[in-house]
Each structure stands twice: as C-alpha cells, then as structure tokens.
PDB file of N, CA and C in Angstrom:
ATOM      1  N   UNK A   1      83.765 126.526 129.349  1.00  0.00           N
ATOM      2  CA  UNK A   1      85.113 126.109 129.236  1.00  0.00           C
ATOM      3  C   UNK A   1      85.918 127.733 129.348  1.00  0.00           C
ATOM      4  N   UNK A   2      87.001 127.727 129.835  1.00  0.00           N
ATOM      5  CA  UNK A   2      87.555 129.203 130.033  1.00  0.00           C
ATOM      6  C   UNK A   2      88.436 129.323 129.010  1.00  0.00           C
ATOM      7  N   UNK A   3      89.092 130.463 128.818  1.00  0.00           N
ATOM      8  CA  UNK A   3      90.263 130.939 127.726  1.00  0.00           C
ATOM      9  C   UNK A   3      91.204 130.420 127.893  1.00  0.00           C
ATOM     10  N   UNK A   4      91.808 129.529 129.271  1.00  0.00           N
ATOM     11  CA  UNK A   4      93.204 128.943 129.267  1.00  0.00           C
ATOM     12  C   UNK A   4      92.980 127.571 128.784  1.00  0.00           C
ATOM     13  N   UNK A   5      92.197 127.425 129.074  1.00  0.00           N
ATOM     14  CA  UNK A   5      91.541 125.855 128.722  1.00  0.00           C
ATOM     15  C   UNK A   5      91.326 125.568 127.249  1.00  0.00           C
ATOM     16  N   UNK A   6      90.564 126.773 126.572  1.00  0.00           N
ATOM     17  CA  UNK A   6      90.570 127.008 125.057  1.00  0.00           C
ATOM     18  C   UNK A   6      92.031 127.186 124.315  1.00  0.00           C
ATOM     19  N   UNK A   7      92.697 127.897 124.983  1.00  0.00           N
ATOM     20  CA  UNK A   7      94.154 128.071 124.330  1.00  0.00           C
ATOM     21  C   UNK A   7      94.817 126.757 124.428  1.00  0.00           C
ATOM     22  N   UNK A   8      94.907 126.210 125.220  1.00  0.00           N
ATOM     23  CA  UNK A   8      95.600 124.665 125.300  1.00  0.00           C
ATOM     24  C   UNK A   8      95.074 123.972 124.748  1.00  0.00           C
ATOM     25  N   UNK A   9      93.754 123.849 124.287  1.00  0.00           N
ATOM     26  CA  UNK A   9      93.024 122.944 123.243  1.00  0.00           C
ATOM     27  C   UNK A   9      93.596 123.302 121.936  1.00  0.00           C
ATOM     28  N   UNK A  10      93.439 124.701 121.367  1.00  0.00           N
ATOM     29  CA  UNK A  10      94.275 124.840 120.093  1.00  0.00           C
ATOM     30  C   UNK A  10      95.479 124.483 119.825  1.00  0.00           C
ATOM     31  N   UNK A  11      96.159 125.123 121.124  1.00  0.00           N
ATOM     32  CA  UNK A  11      97.852 124.964 121.212  1.00  0.00           C
ATOM     33  C   UNK A  11      98.103 123.501 120.553  1.00  0.00           C
ATOM     34  N   UNK A  12      97.307 122.382 121.625  1.00  0.00           N
ATOM     35  CA  UNK A  12      97.725 121.261 121.223  1.00  0.00           C
ATOM     36  C   UNK A  12      97.253 120.496 120.153  1.00  0.00           C
ATOM     37  N   UNK A  13      96.137 121.107 119.756  1.00  0.00           N
ATOM     38  CA  UNK A  13      95.326 120.207 118.344  1.00  0.00           C
ATOM     39  C   UNK A  13      96.866 121.080 117.383  1.00  0.00           C
ATOM     40  N   UNK A  14      97.145 122.358 117.348  1.00  0.00           N
ATOM     41  CA  UNK A  14      98.006 122.970 116.220  1.00  0.00           C
ATOM     42  C   UNK A  14      99.477 122.176 116.425  1.00  0.00           C
ATOM     43  N   UNK A  15     100.079 121.647 117.265  1.00  0.00           N
ATOM     44  CA  UNK A  15     101.423 121.253 117.301  1.00  0.00           C
ATOM     45  C   UNK A  15     101.210 119.622 117.167  1.00  0.00           C
ATOM     46  N   UNK A  16      99.683 119.190 117.833  1.00  0.00           N
ATOM     47  CA  UNK A  16      99.611 117.572 117.267  1.00  0.00           C
ATOM     48  C   UNK A  16      99.193 117.102 115.956  1.00  0.00           C
ATOM     49  N   UNK A  17      98.935 118.090 114.953  1.00  0.00           N
ATOM     50  CA  UNK A  17      98.900 117.814 113.533  1.00  0.00           C
ATOM     51  C   UNK A  17      99.591 118.053 112.877  1.00  0.00           C
ATOM     52  N   UNK A  18     101.005 118.509 113.743  1.00  0.00           N
ATOM     53  CA  UNK A  18     101.986 118.620 112.629  1.00  0.00           C
ATOM     54  C   UNK A  18     102.738 117.461 112.132  1.00  0.00           C
ATOM     55  N   UNK A  19     102.798 116.287 112.812  1.00  0.00           N
ATOM     56  CA  UNK A  19     103.075 114.973 112.162  1.00  0.00           C
ATOM     57  C   UNK A  19     102.089 114.295 111.171  1.00  0.00           C
ATOM     58  N   UNK A  20     101.153 114.769 111.022  1.00  0.00           N
ATOM     59  CA  UNK A  20      99.362 114.217 110.260  1.00  0.00           C
ATOM     60  C   UNK A  20     100.477 114.262 108.753  1.00  0.00           C
ATOM     61  N   UNK A  21     101.090 115.214 108.185  1.00  0.00           N
ATOM     62  CA  UNK A  21     101.387 115.205 106.850  1.00  0.00           C
ATOM     63  C   UNK A  21     102.560 114.065 106.506  1.00  0.00           C
ATOM     64  N   UNK A  22     103.159 113.655 107.328  1.00  0.00           N
ATOM     65  CA  UNK A  22     104.443 113.090 107.242  1.00  0.00           C
ATOM     66  C   UNK A  22     104.103 111.444 107.467  1.00  0.00           C
ATOM     67  N   UNK A  23     102.983 111.218 108.141  1.00  0.00           N
ATOM     68  CA  UNK A  23     102.247 109.923 108.358  1.00  0.00           C
ATOM     69  C   UNK A  23     101.432 109.612 107.213  1.00  0.00           C
ATOM     70  N   UNK A  24     100.746 110.743 106.785  1.00  0.00           N
ATOM     71  CA  UNK A  24     100.046 110.724 105.128  1.00  0.00           C
ATOM     72  C   UNK A  24     100.749 110.535 104.039  1.00  0.00           C
ATOM     73  N   UNK A  25     101.814 110.723 103.970  1.00  0.00           N
ATOM     74  CA  UNK A  25     103.230 110.949 102.860  1.00  0.00           C
ATOM     75  C   UNK A  25     103.171 109.247 103.157  1.00  0.00           C
ATOM     76  N   UNK A  26     103.993 109.221 104.184  1.00  0.00           N
ATOM     77  CA  UNK A  26     104.083 107.625 104.073  1.00  0.00           C
ATOM     78  C   UNK A  26     103.265 106.672 103.715  1.00  0.00           C
ATOM     79  N   UNK A  27     102.070 106.641 104.169  1.00  0.00           N
ATOM     80  CA  UNK A  27     101.005 105.832 103.822  1.00  0.00           C
ATOM     81  C   UNK A  27     101.175 105.943 102.657  1.00  0.00           C
ATOM     82  N   UNK A  28     101.187 106.802 102.186  1.00  0.00           N
ATOM     83  CA  UNK A  28     100.210 107.099 100.306  1.00  0.00           C
ATOM     84  C   UNK A  28     102.066 106.566  99.644  1.00  0.00           C
ATOM     85  N   UNK A  29     102.982 106.811  99.810  1.00  0.00           N
ATOM     86  CA  UNK A  29     104.012 106.417  99.042  1.00  0.00           C
ATOM     87  C   UNK A  29     104.718 105.307  99.581  1.00  0.00           C
ATOM     88  N   UNK A  30     104.239 104.887 100.550  1.00  0.00           N
ATOM     89  CA  UNK A  30     104.981 103.552 101.017  1.00  0.00           C
ATOM     90  C   UNK A  30     106.513 103.723 101.242  1.00  0.00           C
ATOM     91  N   UNK A  31     107.304 104.800 100.776  1.00  0.00           N
ATOM     92  CA  UNK A  31     108.447 105.311 101.176  1.00  0.00           C
ATOM     93  C   UNK A  31     108.801 105.926 102.612  1.00  0.00           C
ATOM     94  N   UNK A  32     109.801 105.382 103.601  1.00  0.00           N
ATOM     95  CA  UNK A  32     109.676 105.654 104.844  1.00  0.00           C
ATOM     96  C   UNK A  32     111.568 105.938 105.043  1.00  0.00           C
ATOM     97  N   UNK A  33     112.194 105.393 103.726  1.00  0.00           N
ATOM     98  CA  UNK A  33     113.940 105.458 104.436  1.00  0.00           C
ATOM     99  C   UNK A  33     114.384 106.731 104.648  1.00  0.00           C
ATOM    100  N   UNK A  34     114.190 107.488 104.269  1.00  0.00           N
ATOM    101  CA  UNK A  34     114.398 108.968 104.870  1.00  0.00           C
ATOM    102  C   UNK A  34     114.111 109.461 106.168  1.00  0.00           C
ATOM    103  N   UNK A  35     113.037 108.532 106.813  1.00  0.00           N
ATOM    104  CA  UNK A  35     112.839 108.897 108.422  1.00  0.00           C
ATOM    105  C   UNK A  35     113.415 108.288 109.018  1.00  0.00           C
ATOM    106  N   UNK A  36     113.888 109.161 110.205  1.00  0.00           N
ATOM    107  CA  UNK A  36     115.047 108.626 111.366  1.00  0.00           C
ATOM    108  C   UNK A  36     113.723 107.909 112.175  1.00  0.00           C
ATOM    109  N   UNK A  37     113.891 106.764 112.524  1.00  0.00           N
ATOM    110  CA  UNK A  37     113.170 106.177 113.295  1.00  0.00           C
ATOM    111  C   UNK A  37     113.126 106.785 114.858  1.00  0.00           C
ATOM    112  N   UNK A  38     114.678 107.257 115.249  1.00  0.00           N
ATOM    113  CA  UNK A  38     114.925 107.966 116.279  1.00  0.00           C
ATOM    114  C   UNK A  38     114.015 108.952 116.720  1.00  0.00           C
ATOM    115  N   UNK A  39     113.689 110.152 115.884  1.00  0.00           N
ATOM    116  CA  UNK A  39     113.163 111.140 116.302  1.00  0.00           C
ATOM    117  C   UNK A  39     111.686 111.136 116.673  1.00  0.00           C
ATOM    118  N   UNK A  40     110.924 110.076 115.918  1.00  0.00           N
ATOM    119  CA  UNK A  40     109.386 109.860 116.795  1.00  0.00           C
ATOM    120  C   UNK A  40     109.629 108.873 118.104  1.00  0.00           C
ATOM    121  N   UNK A  41     110.484 108.146 118.076  1.00  0.00           N
ATOM    122  CA  UNK A  41     110.858 107.310 119.385  1.00  0.00           C
ATOM    123  C   UNK A  41     111.052 107.964 120.541  1.00  0.00           C
ATOM    124  N   UNK A  42     111.959 108.986 120.406  1.00  0.00           N
ATOM    125  CA  UNK A  42     112.156 110.016 121.438  1.00  0.00           C
ATOM    126  C   UNK A  42     110.834 110.769 121.436  1.00  0.00           C
ATOM    127  N   UNK A  43     110.322 111.460 120.916  1.00  0.00           N
ATOM    128  CA  UNK A  43     109.091 112.291 120.811  1.00  0.00           C
ATOM    129  C   UNK A  43     108.021 111.602 121.472  1.00  0.00           C
ATOM    130  N   UNK A  44     107.864 110.361 121.342  1.00  0.00           N
ATOM    131  CA  UNK A  44     106.718 109.804 121.687  1.00  0.00           C
ATOM    132  C   UNK A  44     107.146 109.276 123.339  1.00  0.00           C
ATOM    133  N   UNK A  45     108.223 109.003 123.628  1.00  0.00           N
ATOM    134  CA  UNK A  45     109.076 108.810 125.086  1.00  0.00           C
ATOM    135  C   UNK A  45     108.653 110.468 125.711  1.00  0.00           C
ATOM    136  N   UNK A  46     108.853 111.342 125.223  1.00  0.00           N
ATOM    137  CA  UNK A  46     108.747 112.649 125.891  1.00  0.00           C
ATOM    138  C   UNK A  46     107.101 112.879 125.927  1.00  0.00           C
ATOM    139  N   UNK A  47     106.426 112.460 124.966  1.00  0.00           N
ATOM    140  CA  UNK A  47     104.886 112.824 124.877  1.00  0.00           C
ATOM    141  C   UNK A  47     104.234 111.956 126.111  1.00  0.00           C
ATOM    142  N   UNK A  48     104.789 110.738 126.298  1.00  0.00           N
ATOM    143  CA  UNK A  48     104.327 109.848 127.331  1.00  0.00           C
ATOM    144  C   UNK A  48     104.464 110.416 128.708  1.00  0.00           C
ATOM    145  N   UNK A  49     105.676 111.103 128.982  1.00  0.00           N
ATOM    146  CA  UNK A  49     106.198 111.548 130.282  1.00  0.00           C
ATOM    147  C   UNK A  49     104.811 113.025 129.978  1.00  0.00           C
ATOM    148  N   UNK A  50     104.795 113.908 129.157  1.00  0.00           N
ATOM    149  CA  UNK A  50     103.813 114.904 129.201  1.00  0.00           C
ATOM    150  C   UNK A  50     102.717 114.565 129.632  1.00  0.00           C
ATOM    151  N   UNK A  51     102.298 113.257 128.959  1.00  0.00           N
ATOM    152  CA  UNK A  51     100.697 112.313 129.212  1.00  0.00           C
ATOM    153  C   UNK A  51     100.575 112.538 130.769  1.00  0.00           C
ATOM    154  N   UNK A  52     101.569 111.462 131.412  1.00  0.00           N
ATOM    155  CA  UNK A  52     101.452 111.069 132.744  1.00  0.00           C
ATOM    156  C   UNK A  52     101.465 112.503 133.601  1.00  0.00           C
ATOM    157  N   UNK A  53     102.205 113.612 133.471  1.00  0.00           N
ATOM    158  CA  UNK A  53     102.074 114.738 133.813  1.00  0.00           C
ATOM    159  C   UNK A  53     100.472 115.357 133.929  1.00  0.00           C
ATOM    160  N   UNK A  54      99.932 115.354 132.676  1.00  0.00           N
ATOM    161  CA  UNK A  54      99.059 115.899 132.122  1.00  0.00           C
ATOM    162  C   UNK A  54      97.544 114.980 133.136  1.00  0.00           C
ATOM    163  N   UNK A  55      97.750 113.693 133.036  1.00  0.00           N
ATOM    164  CA  UNK A  55      96.894 113.085 133.667  1.00  0.00           C
ATOM    165  C   UNK A  55      96.995 113.590 135.592  1.00  0.00           C
ATOM    166  N   UNK A  56      98.412 113.691 135.958  1.00  0.00           N
ATOM    167  CA  UNK A  56      98.851 114.063 137.269  1.00  0.00           C
ATOM    168  C   UNK A  56      97.918 115.052 137.948  1.00  0.00           C
ATOM    169  N   UNK A  57      98.006 116.291 137.084  1.00  0.00           N
ATOM    170  CA  UNK A  57      97.431 117.586 137.210  1.00  0.00           C
ATOM    171  C   UNK A  57      96.025 117.364 137.068  1.00  0.00           C
ATOM    172  N   UNK A  58      95.391 116.550 135.992  1.00  0.00           N
ATOM    173  CA  UNK A  58      94.273 116.979 135.369  1.00  0.00           C
ATOM    174  C   UNK A  58      94.134 117.719 134.332  1.00  0.00           C
ATOM    175  N   UNK A  59      94.878 118.095 133.549  1.00  0.00           N
ATOM    176  CA  UNK A  59      94.825 119.176 132.042  1.00  0.00           C
ATOM    177  C   UNK A  59      94.290 118.080 131.013  1.00  0.00           C
ATOM    178  N   UNK A  60      93.371 118.361 130.696  1.00  0.00           N
ATOM    179  CA  UNK A  60      92.207 118.181 129.777  1.00  0.00           C
ATOM    180  C   UNK A  60      93.408 118.411 128.069  1.00  0.00           C
ATOM    181  N   UNK A  61      93.937 119.643 128.256  1.00  0.00           N
ATOM    182  CA  UNK A  61      94.146 119.716 126.875  1.00  0.00           C
ATOM    183  C   UNK A  61      95.629 119.272 126.636  1.00  0.00           C
ATOM    184  N   UNK A  62      96.280 119.016 127.729  1.00  0.00           N
ATOM    185  CA  UNK A  62      97.494 118.273 127.964  1.00  0.00           C
ATOM    186  C   UNK A  62      97.618 116.816 127.655  1.00  0.00           C
ATOM    187  N   UNK A  63      96.673 116.449 128.123  1.00  0.00           N
ATOM    188  CA  UNK A  63      96.178 114.902 127.976  1.00  0.00           C
ATOM    189  C   UNK A  63      95.394 114.374 126.439  1.00  0.00           C
ATOM    190  N   UNK A  64      94.873 115.383 125.750  1.00  0.00           N
ATOM    191  CA  UNK A  64      94.353 114.920 124.803  1.00  0.00           C
ATOM    192  C   UNK A  64      95.240 115.416 123.307  1.00  0.00           C
ATOM    193  N   UNK A  65      95.978 116.077 123.537  1.00  0.00           N
ATOM    194  CA  UNK A  65      97.152 116.256 122.432  1.00  0.00           C
ATOM    195  C   UNK A  65      98.148 115.237 122.304  1.00  0.00           C
ATOM    196  N   UNK A  66      98.608 114.952 124.017  1.00  0.00           N
ATOM    197  CA  UNK A  66      99.573 113.935 123.685  1.00  0.00           C
ATOM    198  C   UNK A  66      99.038 112.529 123.777  1.00  0.00           C
ATOM    199  N   UNK A  67      97.774 112.609 123.798  1.00  0.00           N
ATOM    200  CA  UNK A  67      96.992 111.276 123.404  1.00  0.00           C
ATOM    201  C   UNK A  67      97.071 111.098 121.780  1.00  0.00           C
ATOM    202  N   UNK A  68      96.736 112.026 121.023  1.00  0.00           N
ATOM    203  CA  UNK A  68      96.819 111.889 119.899  1.00  0.00           C
ATOM    204  C   UNK A  68      97.988 112.237 118.845  1.00  0.00           C
ATOM    205  N   UNK A  69      99.044 112.835 119.717  1.00  0.00           N
ATOM    206  CA  UNK A  69     100.501 112.604 119.095  1.00  0.00           C
ATOM    207  C   UNK A  69     101.167 111.388 119.279  1.00  0.00           C
ATOM    208  N   UNK A  70     100.841 110.768 120.366  1.00  0.00           N
ATOM    209  CA  UNK A  70     101.480 109.467 120.676  1.00  0.00           C
ATOM    210  C   UNK A  70     101.252 108.382 119.502  1.00  0.00           C
ATOM    211  N   UNK A  71      99.809 108.721 119.403  1.00  0.00           N
ATOM    212  CA  UNK A  71      99.238 107.646 118.384  1.00  0.00           C
ATOM    213  C   UNK A  71      99.842 107.653 116.919  1.00  0.00           C
ATOM    214  N   UNK A  72      99.552 109.103 116.432  1.00  0.00           N
ATOM    215  CA  UNK A  72     100.383 109.712 115.312  1.00  0.00           C
ATOM    216  C   UNK A  72     101.504 109.395 115.185  1.00  0.00           C
ATOM    217  N   UNK A  73     102.552 109.430 115.973  1.00  0.00           N
ATOM    218  CA  UNK A  73     104.130 109.104 115.614  1.00  0.00           C
ATOM    219  C   UNK A  73     103.795 107.637 116.340  1.00  0.00           C
ATOM    220  N   UNK A  74     103.258 106.841 116.772  1.00  0.00           N
ATOM    221  CA  UNK A  74     103.357 105.363 116.797  1.00  0.00           C
ATOM    222  C   UNK A  74     103.142 104.569 115.441  1.00  0.00           C
ATOM    223  N   UNK A  75     102.083 105.670 114.821  1.00  0.00           N
ATOM    224  CA  UNK A  75     101.932 105.142 113.593  1.00  0.00           C
ATOM    225  C   UNK A  75     102.960 105.064 112.744  1.00  0.00           C
ATOM    226  N   UNK A  76     103.612 106.321 112.567  1.00  0.00           N
ATOM    227  CA  UNK A  76     104.633 106.407 111.991  1.00  0.00           C
ATOM    228  C   UNK A  76     105.806 105.529 112.282  1.00  0.00           C
ATOM    229  N   UNK A  77     106.005 105.261 113.423  1.00  0.00           N
ATOM    230  CA  UNK A  77     106.912 104.085 114.143  1.00  0.00           C
ATOM    231  C   UNK A  77     106.748 103.031 113.149  1.00  0.00           C
ATOM    232  N   UNK A  78     105.462 102.294 113.438  1.00  0.00           N
ATOM    233  CA  UNK A  78     104.783 101.390 112.732  1.00  0.00           C
ATOM    234  C   UNK A  78     105.147 101.089 111.273  1.00  0.00           C
ATOM    235  N   UNK A  79     105.049 102.229 110.646  1.00  0.00           N
ATOM    236  CA  UNK A  79     105.065 102.361 109.307  1.00  0.00           C
ATOM    237  C   UNK A  79     106.301 102.246 108.778  1.00  0.00           C
ATOM    238  N   UNK A  80     107.301 102.683 109.443  1.00  0.00           N
ATOM    239  CA  UNK A  80     108.780 102.675 109.363  1.00  0.00           C
ATOM    240  C   UNK A  80     109.325 101.268 109.148  1.00  0.00           C
ATOM    241  N   UNK A  81     109.065 100.645 110.469  1.00  0.00           N
ATOM    242  CA  UNK A  81     109.500  98.937 110.052  1.00  0.00           C
ATOM    243  C   UNK A  81     108.577  98.236 109.435  1.00  0.00           C
ATOM    244  N   UNK A  82     107.282  98.338 108.625  1.00  0.00           N
ATOM    245  CA  UNK A  82     106.470  97.689 108.021  1.00  0.00           C
ATOM    246  C   UNK A  82     106.963  97.928 106.669  1.00  0.00           C
ATOM    247  N   UNK A  83     107.138  99.195 106.023  1.00  0.00           N
ATOM    248  CA  UNK A  83     107.237  99.578 104.846  1.00  0.00           C
ATOM    249  C   UNK A  83     108.920  99.628 104.533  1.00  0.00           C
ATOM    250  N   UNK A  84     109.724  99.461 105.476  1.00  0.00           N
ATOM    251  CA  UNK A  84     111.196  99.318 105.274  1.00  0.00           C
ATOM    252  C   UNK A  84     111.971  98.610 104.397  1.00  0.00           C
ATOM    253  N   UNK A  85     110.960  97.301 103.980  1.00  0.00           N
ATOM    254  CA  UNK A  85     111.551  96.232 103.110  1.00  0.00           C
ATOM    255  C   UNK A  85     111.306  96.743 101.811  1.00  0.00           C
ATOM    256  N   UNK A  86     109.895  97.311 101.437  1.00  0.00           N
ATOM    257  CA  UNK A  86     109.701  97.990 100.302  1.00  0.00           C
ATOM    258  C   UNK A  86     110.390  99.017  99.630  1.00  0.00           C
ATOM    259  N   UNK A  87     111.759  99.829 100.428  1.00  0.00           N
ATOM    260  CA  UNK A  87     112.465 101.195 100.240  1.00  0.00           C
ATOM    261  C   UNK A  87     113.435 100.471  99.793  1.00  0.00           C
ATOM    262  N   UNK A  88     114.235  99.221 100.015  1.00  0.00           N
ATOM    263  CA  UNK A  88     115.516  99.141  99.486  1.00  0.00           C
ATOM    264  C   UNK A  88     115.897  98.948  98.122  1.00  0.00           C
ATOM    265  N   UNK A  89     114.818  98.897  97.415  1.00  0.00           N
ATOM    266  CA  UNK A  89     115.319  98.425  96.097  1.00  0.00           C
ATOM    267  C   UNK A  89     115.565  99.978  94.912  1.00  0.00           C
ATOM    268  N   UNK A  90     115.683 100.014  94.092  1.00  0.00           N
ATOM    269  CA  UNK A  90     116.438 101.375  93.280  1.00  0.00           C
ATOM    270  C   UNK A  90     114.668 101.770  92.513  1.00  0.00           C
ATOM    271  N   UNK A  91     114.211 101.162  92.311  1.00  0.00           N
ATOM    272  CA  UNK A  91     112.838 100.908  91.491  1.00  0.00           C
ATOM    273  C   UNK A  91     112.051 102.152  92.312  1.00  0.00           C
ATOM    274  N   UNK A  92     111.990 103.109  91.435  1.00  0.00           N
ATOM    275  CA  UNK A  92     111.218 104.293  92.221  1.00  0.00           C
ATOM    276  C   UNK A  92     112.269 106.076  92.666  1.00  0.00           C
ATOM    277  N   UNK A  93     113.208 105.464  92.829  1.00  0.00           N
ATOM    278  CA  UNK A  93     114.019 106.324  93.082  1.00  0.00           C
ATOM    279  C   UNK A  93     114.463 107.346  92.100  1.00  0.00           C
ATOM    280  N   UNK A  94     114.591 108.361  92.381  1.00  0.00           N
ATOM    281  CA  UNK A  94     115.327 109.695  91.636  1.00  0.00           C
ATOM    282  C   UNK A  94     116.700 109.876  91.482  1.00  0.00           C
ATOM    283  N   UNK A  95     117.408 110.164  90.650  1.00  0.00           N
ATOM    284  CA  UNK A  95     118.814 110.668  90.424  1.00  0.00           C
ATOM    285  C   UNK A  95     118.872 111.581  91.407  1.00  0.00           C
ATOM    286  N   UNK A  96     120.232 112.017  92.152  1.00  0.00           N
ATOM    287  CA  UNK A  96     120.622 112.977  93.048  1.00  0.00           C
ATOM    288  C   UNK A  96     120.253 114.144  92.777  1.00  0.00           C
ATOM    289  N   UNK A  97     119.453 114.790  93.888  1.00  0.00           N
ATOM    290  CA  UNK A  97     119.060 115.961  93.437  1.00  0.00           C
ATOM    291  C   UNK A  97     117.622 116.323  92.848  1.00  0.00           C
ATOM    292  N   UNK A  98     117.408 115.165  92.540  1.00  0.00           N
ATOM    293  CA  UNK A  98     115.895 115.189  91.929  1.00  0.00           C
ATOM    294  C   UNK A  98     114.987 114.819  92.577  1.00  0.00           C
ATOM    295  N   UNK A  99     113.861 115.050  92.784  1.00  0.00           N
ATOM    296  CA  UNK A  99     112.613 114.715  93.072  1.00  0.00           C
ATOM    297  C   UNK A  99     111.382 115.141  92.272  1.00  0.00           C
ATOM    298  N   UNK A 100     110.099 114.170  92.822  1.00  0.00           N
ATOM    299  CA  UNK A 100     109.329 114.189  91.994  1.00  0.00           C
ATOM    300  C   UNK A 100     108.216 115.305  93.264  1.00  0.00           C
ATOM    301  N   UNK A 101     108.222 116.547  92.554  1.00  0.00           N
ATOM    302  CA  UNK A 101     107.443 117.867  93.151  1.00  0.00           C
ATOM    303  C   UNK A 101     106.089 117.522  93.662  1.00  0.00           C
ATOM    304  N   UNK A 102     105.380 116.376  92.589  1.00  0.00           N
ATOM    305  CA  UNK A 102     104.113 116.564  93.141  1.00  0.00           C
ATOM    306  C   UNK A 102     103.759 115.963  94.359  1.00  0.00           C
ATOM    307  N   UNK A 103     104.832 114.469  94.437  1.00  0.00           N
ATOM    308  CA  UNK A 103     104.810 113.702  95.243  1.00  0.00           C
ATOM    309  C   UNK A 103     104.932 114.207  96.785  1.00  0.00           C
ATOM    310  N   UNK A 104     106.153 115.374  96.687  1.00  0.00           N
ATOM    311  CA  UNK A 104     106.347 116.083  97.664  1.00  0.00           C
ATOM    312  C   UNK A 104     105.490 116.643  98.597  1.00  0.00           C
ATOM    313  N   UNK A 105     104.169 117.077  97.922  1.00  0.00           N
ATOM    314  CA  UNK A 105     103.441 117.767  98.525  1.00  0.00           C
ATOM    315  C   UNK A 105     102.444 117.608  99.993  1.00  0.00           C
TER     316      UNK A 105
END
C-alpha cells in the first residue's frame, strides 16, 4: 500500500466517522427533532455520486469512505422518521436555553 492510498484511507476514515456521534446520540436519546432531514439526505446524494466516481476510477479509499458514510447517514435518516413520533411531546423537554449537559456529550 503506497502513501497516497494510506493518506486517502485515513482521510476517509476521519471524515466518515464525523457523523457517528450524532447517530449514537440519536439512538441513545431517541430525540431527533432538532436534526434537519435535508442535511443528511443531500449529503447522501453527494456521497452516492462520489461513490460512483470512486468505482469508475477504482479508488478504494474513496469507495470505502463513501460506503461507510452513506450507511451512517442512511441510519440517521431512518431514525429521523422512526423516532419523530416520540419527539412531539413536552416530556423531557428543557426550558428555553437550558440543556442537560451530560446528555450533550
């Protein structure tokens, strides 16, 4: 494995794991009201295009990073629709400007 491929794999891994904390928090709290569905949808469309490009040129780091990112953002989109019914009530809401700092981690 050459240096360019290794750099691509590391860069892809770092940028791909950026969504993991949001997915984990949404799963843990079942709260997705404040997440815009459009951001991950548009991101997935772009990543599908990058994935197609990576397949066409045979770039393994580009392919791997985009497959992982598409999966994570896809899970976030599914959770947005699956948990949206649980987010509509006032139970568990905090007064304006207050949050549970332990939950924000």
